[in-house]
C-alpha atoms as a PDB file:
ATOM      1  CA  MET A   1       0.000   0.000   0.000  1.00  0.00           C
ATOM      2  CA  MET A   2       1.301   3.449  -0.960  1.00  0.00           C
ATOM      3  CA  LEU A   3      -0.090   6.872  -0.162  1.00  0.00           C
ATOM      4  CA  SER A   4      -0.731  10.022  -2.197  1.00  0.00           C
ATOM      5  CA  ILE A   5      -0.593  13.111   0.017  1.00  0.00           C
ATOM      6  CA  LEU A   6      -2.660  15.845  -1.647  1.00  0.00           C
ATOM      7  CA  THR A   7      -2.140  19.518  -0.855  1.00  0.00           C
ATOM      8  CA  ALA A   8      -4.101  22.395  -2.353  1.00  0.00           C
ATOM      9  CA  THR A   9      -2.325  25.661  -1.620  1.00  0.00           C
ATOM     10  CA  PHE A  10      -2.781  29.394  -2.141  1.00  0.00           C
ATOM     11  CA  ASN A  11      -0.248  31.989  -0.969  1.00  0.00           C
ATOM     12  CA  ARG A  12       1.266  29.802   1.739  1.00  0.00           C
ATOM     13  CA  ALA A  13       4.939  30.164   0.828  1.00  0.00           C
ATOM     14  CA  ASP A  14       5.670  31.121   4.439  1.00  0.00           C
ATOM     15  CA  LEU A  15       4.075  27.973   5.864  1.00  0.00           C
ATOM     16  CA  ILE A  16       4.311  25.149   3.343  1.00  0.00           C
ATOM     17  CA  GLY A  17       7.902  24.527   4.418  1.00  0.00           C
ATOM     18  CA  ASN A  18       6.619  23.114   7.716  1.00  0.00           C
ATOM     19  CA  LEU A  19       4.671  20.475   5.822  1.00  0.00           C
ATOM     20  CA  TYR A  20       7.647  19.688   3.597  1.00  0.00           C
ATOM     21  CA  GLU A  21       9.952  19.264   6.593  1.00  0.00           C
ATOM     22  CA  SER A  22       7.454  16.918   8.242  1.00  0.00           C
ATOM     23  CA  LEU A  23       7.295  14.813   5.065  1.00  0.00           C
ATOM     24  CA  LYS A  24      11.099  14.621   4.875  1.00  0.00           C
ATOM     25  CA  LYS A  25      11.216  13.271   8.421  1.00  0.00           C
ATOM     26  CA  GLN A  26       8.617  10.522   7.939  1.00  0.00           C
ATOM     27  CA  THR A  27       9.687   7.134   9.265  1.00  0.00           C
ATOM     28  CA  CYS A  28       8.003   5.575   6.208  1.00  0.00           C
ATOM     29  CA  LYS A  29       8.719   7.075   2.787  1.00  0.00           C
ATOM     30  CA  ASP A  30       6.135   5.093   0.783  1.00  0.00           C
ATOM     31  CA  PHE A  31       4.258   8.166  -0.430  1.00  0.00           C
ATOM     32  CA  GLU A  32       4.095  10.847  -3.087  1.00  0.00           C
ATOM     33  CA  TRP A  33       3.316  14.500  -2.402  1.00  0.00           C
ATOM     34  CA  ILE A  34       1.052  16.210  -4.919  1.00  0.00           C
ATOM     35  CA  VAL A  35       0.913  19.994  -4.615  1.00  0.00           C
ATOM     36  CA  VAL A  36      -1.703  21.885  -6.623  1.00  0.00           C
ATOM     37  CA  ASP A  37      -1.039  25.613  -6.548  1.00  0.00           C
ATOM     38  CA  ASP A  38      -4.349  27.461  -6.844  1.00  0.00           C
ATOM     39  CA  GLY A  39      -2.885  30.571  -8.476  1.00  0.00           C
ATOM     40  CA  SER A  40      -0.549  31.728  -5.696  1.00  0.00           C
ATOM     41  CA  LEU A  41       0.905  35.213  -6.084  1.00  0.00           C
ATOM     42  CA  ASP A  42       3.809  34.624  -3.703  1.00  0.00           C
ATOM     43  CA  SER A  43       6.922  32.462  -4.106  1.00  0.00           C
ATOM     44  CA  THR A  44       5.163  29.110  -3.676  1.00  0.00           C
ATOM     45  CA  LYS A  45       6.126  27.902  -7.159  1.00  0.00           C
ATOM     46  CA  GLU A  46       9.825  28.674  -6.682  1.00  0.00           C
ATOM     47  CA  ILE A  47       9.888  27.025  -3.261  1.00  0.00           C
ATOM     48  CA  ILE A  48       8.303  23.794  -4.497  1.00  0.00           C
ATOM     49  CA  ARG A  49      10.622  23.729  -7.518  1.00  0.00           C
ATOM     50  CA  GLU A  50      13.590  23.910  -5.146  1.00  0.00           C
ATOM     51  CA  TYR A  51      12.176  21.031  -3.114  1.00  0.00           C
ATOM     52  CA  GLN A  52      11.869  18.990  -6.299  1.00  0.00           C
ATOM     53  CA  LYS A  53      15.519  19.644  -7.156  1.00  0.00           C
ATOM     54  CA  LEU A  54      16.587  18.321  -3.755  1.00  0.00           C
ATOM     55  CA  ASN A  55      14.876  15.022  -4.649  1.00  0.00           C
ATOM     56  CA  GLU A  56      14.405  14.071  -0.993  1.00  0.00           C
ATOM     57  CA  ILE A  57      10.801  12.937  -1.471  1.00  0.00           C
ATOM     58  CA  SER A  58       8.585  12.331  -4.502  1.00  0.00           C
ATOM     59  CA  ILE A  59       6.846  15.604  -5.434  1.00  0.00           C
ATOM     60  CA  LYS A  60       4.398  16.450  -8.224  1.00  0.00           C
ATOM     61  CA  TYR A  61       3.620  20.146  -8.692  1.00  0.00           C
ATOM     62  CA  VAL A  62       0.720  21.565 -10.711  1.00  0.00           C
ATOM     63  CA  TYR A  63      -0.074  25.261 -11.144  1.00  0.00           C
ATOM     64  CA  LYS A  64      -3.583  26.434 -12.020  1.00  0.00           C
ATOM     65  CA  GLU A  65      -5.530  29.668 -12.132  1.00  0.00           C
ATOM     66  CA  ASN A  66      -7.287  30.528  -8.900  1.00  0.00           C
ATOM     67  CA  GLY A  67     -10.601  28.729  -8.585  1.00  0.00           C
ATOM     68  CA  GLY A  68     -10.850  27.715  -4.954  1.00  0.00           C
ATOM     69  CA  LYS A  69      -9.500  24.893  -2.841  1.00  0.00           C
ATOM     70  CA  HIS A  70     -12.095  22.373  -4.029  1.00  0.00           C
ATOM     71  CA  SER A  71     -11.126  22.875  -7.678  1.00  0.00           C
ATOM     72  CA  ALA A  72      -7.465  22.323  -6.776  1.00  0.00           C
ATOM     73  CA  ILE A  73      -8.382  19.143  -4.887  1.00  0.00           C
ATOM     74  CA  ASN A  74     -10.138  17.833  -8.011  1.00  0.00           C
ATOM     75  CA  ILE A  75      -6.897  18.212  -9.969  1.00  0.00           C
ATOM     76  CA  ALA A  76      -4.820  16.683  -7.180  1.00  0.00           C
ATOM     77  CA  ILE A  77      -7.059  13.614  -7.177  1.00  0.00           C
ATOM     78  CA  GLU A  78      -6.625  13.277 -10.942  1.00  0.00           C
ATOM     79  CA  GLN A  79      -2.845  13.324 -10.456  1.00  0.00           C
ATOM     80  CA  ALA A  80      -2.820  10.723  -7.663  1.00  0.00           C
ATOM     81  CA  SER A  81      -1.223   7.401  -8.618  1.00  0.00           C
ATOM     82  CA  LYS A  82      -0.996   5.527  -5.307  1.00  0.00           C
ATOM     83  CA  ASP A  83      -3.490   3.212  -3.586  1.00  0.00           C
ATOM     84  CA  PHE A  84      -4.854   5.693  -1.052  1.00  0.00           C
ATOM     85  CA  CYS A  85      -5.163   9.491  -0.781  1.00  0.00           C
ATOM     86  CA  ILE A  86      -5.084  11.857   2.172  1.00  0.00           C
ATOM     87  CA  LEU A  87      -5.656  15.628   2.052  1.00  0.00           C
ATOM     88  CA  ILE A  88      -3.265  17.770   4.090  1.00  0.00           C
ATOM     89  CA  ASP A  89      -3.586  21.560   4.034  1.00  0.00           C
ATOM     90  CA  SER A  90      -0.481  23.592   3.259  1.00  0.00           C
ATOM     91  CA  ASP A  91      -0.540  25.273   6.683  1.00  0.00           C
ATOM     92  CA  ASP A  92      -0.756  21.929   8.516  1.00  0.00           C
ATOM     93  CA  TYR A  93       1.822  19.162   8.857  1.00  0.00           C
ATOM     94  CA  LEU A  94       2.216  15.494   9.760  1.00  0.00           C
ATOM     95  CA  LEU A  95       3.578  13.864  12.876  1.00  0.00           C
ATOM     96  CA  VAL A  96       6.894  12.126  12.194  1.00  0.00           C
ATOM     97  CA  ASP A  97       5.365   8.623  12.142  1.00  0.00           C
ATOM     98  CA  SER A  98       2.030   9.481  10.523  1.00  0.00           C
ATOM     99  CA  VAL A  99       2.595   7.695   7.214  1.00  0.00           C
ATOM    100  CA  GLU A 100       3.855   4.620   9.068  1.00  0.00           C
ATOM    101  CA  LYS A 101       0.786   4.564  11.335  1.00  0.00           C
ATOM    102  CA  ILE A 102      -1.548   4.961   8.367  1.00  0.00           C
ATOM    103  CA  HIS A 103       0.204   2.148   6.499  1.00  0.00           C
ATOM    104  CA  LYS A 104       0.074  -0.233   9.443  1.00  0.00           C
ATOM    105  CA  LYS A 105      -3.577   0.351  10.254  1.00  0.00           C
ATOM    106  CA  ILE A 106      -4.794   0.178   6.672  1.00  0.00           C
ATOM    107  CA  ASN A 107      -2.681  -2.852   5.765  1.00  0.00           C
ATOM    108  CA  ALA A 108      -3.937  -4.736   8.814  1.00  0.00           C
ATOM    109  CA  HIS A 109      -7.556  -4.106   7.864  1.00  0.00           C
ATOM    110  CA  GLU A 110      -7.143  -4.591   4.111  1.00  0.00           C
ATOM    111  CA  ASN A 111      -5.593  -8.017   4.695  1.00  0.00           C
ATOM    112  CA  ILE A 112      -8.771  -9.073   6.496  1.00  0.00           C
ATOM    113  CA  ASN A 113     -11.552  -7.046   4.898  1.00  0.00           C
ATOM    114  CA  ARG A 114     -11.332  -5.022   1.696  1.00  0.00           C
ATOM    115  CA  ASN A 115     -14.855  -3.662   1.979  1.00  0.00           C
ATOM    116  CA  PHE A 116     -13.747  -0.358   3.506  1.00  0.00           C
ATOM    117  CA  ILE A 117     -13.761   2.598   1.131  1.00  0.00           C
ATOM    118  CA  GLY A 118     -11.789   4.738   3.539  1.00  0.00           C
ATOM    119  CA  TYR A 119     -10.216   5.236   6.941  1.00  0.00           C
ATOM    120  CA  CYS A 120     -10.108   8.237   9.227  1.00  0.00           C
ATOM    121  CA  PHE A 121      -7.596   9.463  11.789  1.00  0.00           C
ATOM    122  CA  ARG A 122      -7.483  12.320  14.293  1.00  0.00           C
ATOM    123  CA  CYS A 123      -5.960  15.788  14.169  1.00  0.00           C
ATOM    124  CA  VAL A 124      -4.155  17.526  17.024  1.00  0.00           C
ATOM    125  CA  LEU A 125      -3.200  21.092  17.848  1.00  0.00           C
ATOM    126  CA  GLU A 126       0.429  22.186  18.005  1.00  0.00           C
ATOM    127  CA  ASP A 127       0.501  21.555  21.763  1.00  0.00           C
ATOM    128  CA  GLY A 128      -0.376  17.903  21.130  1.00  0.00           C
ATOM    129  CA  SER A 129      -3.949  18.065  22.409  1.00  0.00           C
ATOM    130  CA  PHE A 130      -6.679  16.453  20.341  1.00  0.00           C
ATOM    131  CA  LEU A 131      -8.801  18.693  18.180  1.00  0.00           C
ATOM    132  CA  GLY A 132     -12.312  18.384  19.580  1.00  0.00           C
ATOM    133  CA  SER A 133     -13.226  15.664  22.088  1.00  0.00           C
ATOM    134  CA  ASP A 134     -10.407  13.575  23.580  1.00  0.00           C
ATOM    135  CA  PHE A 135     -11.380   9.899  23.471  1.00  0.00           C
ATOM    136  CA  SER A 136      -7.962   8.537  24.405  1.00  0.00           C
ATOM    137  CA  ASN A 137      -8.571   8.185  28.156  1.00  0.00           C
ATOM    138  CA  LYS A 138     -12.290   7.395  28.159  1.00  0.00           C
ATOM    139  CA  TYR A 139     -12.462   3.641  28.654  1.00  0.00           C
ATOM    140  CA  TYR A 140     -16.229   3.524  28.096  1.00  0.00           C
ATOM    141  CA  LEU A 141     -15.976   4.891  24.544  1.00  0.00           C
ATOM    142  CA  PRO A 142     -14.728   2.918  21.522  1.00  0.00           C
ATOM    143  CA  LYS A 143     -11.293   3.683  20.121  1.00  0.00           C
ATOM    144  CA  GLU A 144     -12.343   2.386  16.723  1.00  0.00           C
ATOM    145  CA  LEU A 145     -15.691   2.307  14.981  1.00  0.00           C
ATOM    146  CA  VAL A 146     -17.309   1.983  11.565  1.00  0.00           C
ATOM    147  CA  SER A 147     -19.482   4.996  10.849  1.00  0.00           C
ATOM    148  CA  THR A 148     -20.242   7.867   8.473  1.00  0.00           C
ATOM    149  CA  PRO A 149     -18.954  11.464   8.397  1.00  0.00           C
ATOM    150  CA  THR A 150     -22.376  12.810   9.396  1.00  0.00           C
ATOM    151  CA  GLU A 151     -22.692  10.484  12.388  1.00  0.00           C
ATOM    152  CA  VAL A 152     -19.120  11.068  13.575  1.00  0.00           C
ATOM    153  CA  MET A 153     -19.635  14.830  13.357  1.00  0.00           C
ATOM    154  CA  ARG A 154     -21.984  14.482  16.359  1.00  0.00           C
ATOM    155  CA  LEU A 155     -19.024  13.407  18.497  1.00  0.00           C
ATOM    156  CA  ALA A 156     -17.525  16.917  18.171  1.00  0.00           C
ATOM    157  CA  LEU A 157     -14.114  15.729  17.006  1.00  0.00           C
ATOM    158  CA  GLY A 158     -13.357  18.743  14.808  1.00  0.00           C
ATOM    159  CA  ASP A 159     -11.530  18.392  11.503  1.00  0.00           C
ATOM    160  CA  MET A 160     -10.337  14.861  10.804  1.00  0.00           C
ATOM    161  CA  ALA A 161      -7.820  13.252   8.448  1.00  0.00           C
ATOM    162  CA  TYR A 162      -9.666  11.081   5.935  1.00  0.00           C
ATOM    163  CA  VAL A 163      -7.812   8.500   3.852  1.00  0.00           C
ATOM    164  CA  PHE A 164      -9.772   7.163   0.877  1.00  0.00           C
ATOM    165  CA  LYS A 165      -9.084   4.561  -1.764  1.00  0.00           C
ATOM    166  CA  THR A 166      -7.816   6.469  -4.785  1.00  0.00           C
ATOM    167  CA  SER A 167      -9.886   4.425  -7.228  1.00  0.00           C
ATOM    168  CA  LYS A 168     -13.080   5.418  -5.402  1.00  0.00           C
ATOM    169  CA  LEU A 169     -12.046   9.034  -4.887  1.00  0.00           C
ATOM    170  CA  LYS A 170     -11.496   9.426  -8.628  1.00  0.00           C
ATOM    171  CA  GLN A 171     -15.154   8.532  -9.193  1.00  0.00           C
ATOM    172  CA  VAL A 172     -16.418  11.642  -7.388  1.00  0.00           C
ATOM    173  CA  LYS A 173     -15.592  15.304  -7.887  1.00  0.00           C
ATOM    174  CA  PHE A 174     -16.340  18.530  -6.126  1.00  0.00           C
ATOM    175  CA  PRO A 175     -18.997  20.433  -8.099  1.00  0.00           C
ATOM    176  CA  ILE A 176     -17.586  23.542  -9.772  1.00  0.00           C
ATOM    177  CA  ILE A 177     -19.993  26.471  -9.581  1.00  0.00           C
ATOM    178  CA  TYR A 178     -19.271  29.561 -11.659  1.00  0.00           C
ATOM    179  CA  GLY A 179     -18.325  32.534  -9.504  1.00  0.00           C
ATOM    180  CA  GLU A 180     -17.902  30.484  -6.310  1.00  0.00           C
ATOM    181  CA  ARG A 181     -14.617  29.403  -4.753  1.00  0.00           C
ATOM    182  CA  PHE A 182     -15.594  27.033  -1.970  1.00  0.00           C
ATOM    183  CA  PHE A 183     -17.408  23.736  -1.514  1.00  0.00           C
ATOM    184  CA  PRO A 184     -17.653  21.861   1.827  1.00  0.00           C
ATOM    185  CA  GLU A 185     -15.446  18.759   1.827  1.00  0.00           C
ATOM    186  CA  LEU A 186     -17.932  16.875   3.997  1.00  0.00           C
ATOM    187  CA  TYR A 187     -20.296  16.749   1.014  1.00  0.00           C
ATOM    188  CA  ILE A 188     -17.885  14.506  -0.913  1.00  0.00           C
ATOM    189  CA  TRP A 189     -16.972  12.417   2.132  1.00  0.00           C
ATOM    190  CA  ASN A 190     -20.687  11.739   2.614  1.00  0.00           C
ATOM    191  CA  GLN A 191     -21.084  10.710  -1.030  1.00  0.00           C
ATOM    192  CA  LEU A 192     -18.255   8.230  -0.580  1.00  0.00           C
ATOM    193  CA  SER A 193     -19.776   6.834   2.603  1.00  0.00           C
ATOM    194  CA  ASP A 194     -22.922   6.036   0.610  1.00  0.00           C
ATOM    195  CA  VAL A 195     -21.037   3.442  -1.449  1.00  0.00           C
ATOM    196  CA  GLY A 196     -18.609   2.025   1.120  1.00  0.00           C
ATOM    197  CA  ARG A 197     -17.781   1.785   4.806  1.00  0.00           C
ATOM    198  CA  ILE A 198     -15.348   4.059   6.672  1.00  0.00           C
ATOM    199  CA  LYS A 199     -13.280   2.883   9.655  1.00  0.00           C
ATOM    200  CA  TYR A 200     -12.534   5.566  12.265  1.00  0.00           C
ATOM    201  CA  PHE A 201      -9.532   5.474  14.588  1.00  0.00           C
ATOM    202  CA  LEU A 202     -10.542   7.883  17.339  1.00  0.00           C
ATOM    203  CA  HIS A 203      -7.293   7.593  19.309  1.00  0.00           C
ATOM    204  CA  ILE A 204      -4.668   7.851  16.552  1.00  0.00           C
ATOM    205  CA  PRO A 205      -3.478  11.359  15.577  1.00  0.00           C
ATOM    206  CA  VAL A 206      -1.653  11.930  12.292  1.00  0.00           C
ATOM    207  CA  CYS A 207      -2.092  15.611  11.408  1.00  0.00           C
ATOM    208  CA  VAL A 208      -1.177  18.802  13.275  1.00  0.00           C
ATOM    209  CA  VAL A 209      -3.530  21.649  12.389  1.00  0.00           C
ATOM    210  CA  ASN A 210      -2.403  25.246  12.356  1.00  0.00           C
ATOM    211  CA  TYR A 211      -5.428  27.460  11.750  1.00  0.00           C
ATOM    212  CA  GLN A 212      -4.651  30.832  10.183  1.00  0.00           C
ATOM    213  CA  ALA A 213      -6.470  34.114  10.729  1.00  0.00           C
ATOM    214  CA  ASP A 214      -7.014  34.386   6.961  1.00  0.00           C
ATOM    215  CA  GLY A 215      -7.769  30.702   6.451  1.00  0.00           C
ATOM    216  CA  LEU A 216     -10.992  29.134   5.181  1.00  0.00           C
ATOM    217  CA  SER A 217     -11.999  28.105   8.705  1.00  0.00           C
ATOM    218  CA  SER A 218     -11.833  31.641  10.089  1.00  0.00           C
ATOM    219  CA  ASP A 219     -15.023  33.265   8.737  1.00  0.00           C
ATOM    220  CA  PHE A 220     -18.032  31.045   8.024  1.00  0.00           C
ATOM    221  CA  ILE A 221     -20.432  33.850   7.067  1.00  0.00           C
ATOM    222  CA  LYS A 222     -17.935  35.170   4.530  1.00  0.00           C
ATOM    223  CA  LEU A 223     -17.736  31.695   2.996  1.00  0.00           C
ATOM    224  CA  LEU A 224     -21.524  31.398   2.949  1.00  0.00           C
ATOM    225  CA  LYS A 225     -21.912  34.773   1.235  1.00  0.00           C
ATOM    226  CA  GLY A 226     -19.249  33.909  -1.314  1.00  0.00           C
ATOM    227  CA  SER A 227     -20.502  30.408  -2.173  1.00  0.00           C
ATOM    228  CA  PRO A 228     -24.256  30.292  -1.477  1.00  0.00           C
ATOM    229  CA  ILE A 229     -25.098  27.691  -4.143  1.00  0.00           C
ATOM    230  CA  ALA A 230     -22.433  25.326  -2.820  1.00  0.00           C
ATOM    231  CA  PHE A 231     -23.788  25.622   0.706  1.00  0.00           C
ATOM    232  CA  TYR A 232     -27.361  25.239  -0.530  1.00  0.00           C
ATOM    233  CA  ILE A 233     -26.444  21.913  -2.168  1.00  0.00           C
ATOM    234  CA  TYR A 234     -24.530  20.850   0.938  1.00  0.00           C
ATOM    235  CA  TYR A 235     -27.269  21.690   3.451  1.00  0.00           C
ATOM    236  CA  ILE A 236     -30.043  20.126   1.360  1.00  0.00           C
ATOM    237  CA  ASP A 237     -27.988  16.932   1.414  1.00  0.00           C
ATOM    238  CA  MET A 238     -27.394  17.227   5.166  1.00  0.00           C
ATOM    239  CA  ILE A 239     -31.122  17.633   5.858  1.00  0.00           C
ATOM    240  CA  LYS A 240     -31.703  14.256   4.206  1.00  0.00           C
ATOM    241  CA  ARG A 241     -28.975  12.616   6.302  1.00  0.00           C
ATOM    242  CA  GLU A 242     -29.593  14.178   9.697  1.00  0.00           C
ATOM    243  CA  LYS A 243     -31.846  12.268  12.102  1.00  0.00           C
ATOM    244  CA  ARG A 244     -32.038  14.835  14.906  1.00  0.00           C
ATOM    245  CA  ILE A 245     -34.946  17.255  14.526  1.00  0.00           C
ATOM    246  CA  PHE A 246     -33.168  20.235  16.087  1.00  0.00           C
ATOM    247  CA  GLN A 247     -30.178  19.817  13.781  1.00  0.00           C
ATOM    248  CA  LYS A 248     -32.469  19.466  10.765  1.00  0.00           C
ATOM    249  CA  ILE A 249     -34.033  22.809  11.684  1.00  0.00           C
ATOM    250  CA  LYS A 250     -30.591  24.418  11.874  1.00  0.00           C
ATOM    251  CA  TYR A 251     -29.796  23.101   8.401  1.00  0.00           C
ATOM    252  CA  ILE A 252     -33.114  24.392   7.065  1.00  0.00           C
ATOM    253  CA  VAL A 253     -32.198  27.843   8.399  1.00  0.00           C
ATOM    254  CA  ARG A 254     -28.857  27.556   6.588  1.00  0.00           C
ATOM    255  CA  VAL A 255     -30.690  26.669   3.370  1.00  0.00           C
ATOM    256  CA  PHE A 256     -32.727  29.867   3.588  1.00  0.00           C
ATOM    257  CA  GLN A 257     -29.583  31.852   4.392  1.00  0.00           C
ATOM    258  CA  SER A 258     -27.963  30.380   1.283  1.00  0.00           C
ATOM    259  CA  ILE A 259     -30.952  31.395  -0.839  1.00  0.00           C
ATOM    260  CA  TYR A 260     -30.881  34.900   0.648  1.00  0.00           C
ATOM    261  CA  PHE A 261     -27.178  35.407  -0.064  1.00  0.00           C
ATOM    262  CA  ARG A 262     -27.587  33.980  -3.569  1.00  0.00           C
ATOM    263  CA  LEU A 263     -30.325  36.498  -4.338  1.00  0.00           C
ATOM    264  CA  LYS A 264     -28.127  39.323  -3.011  1.00  0.00           C
ATOM    265  CA  LYS A 265     -25.137  38.430  -5.232  1.00  0.00           C
END
């Protein structure tokens, strides 16, 4: 089993080096790094070209005009050539043994049961604490489970590191909507969970997140205003999946917000 690490980046020349350094230090080197530059105006291209010259890890670099992270992810998936794919943002990085842990867990399960379409691991903050709920010391909660992205979201675990079979990931794409530059990743993860099972490892961290003040996670309303059709599609889908009445109502409110912002554009 080999891994394609996919990174969509925009103007992160000052931070992408942290990710590169973490990839260089991996205890297992069975991976390729695919960087899709979504029209960066800084020195990202030159930096990645220098990394390629060093030939310390396998790197593919693709430059495209700015169209949003989801459009860059689509291209990265097309470029992937290994068995499994994981998305890592350019301002995040991996723990030194992340690739090794992913390999071991997936290989162990694939040797027994190949019915899983994907696997999911945890993210931590830079101080080492789990993002969201910490399940590591709660003996009454499972450390592993088979579930869906929508169901796991109820556990308040924050962003997670999904690893999907490349062959299955290539069968889905983020919708591209003219004039919009964002589409929620959970929409695609849910589509994948409709056709295959996902195994969650709630106690195994692989990714260190480093949220930026100007990052996509920093201003939800701005994202909603900028990509109302994308969020409309996403929330309509979530209404169908959600079982809790209160949460359904919240999603219905979001649908009307999306319509409102679309009419204002």
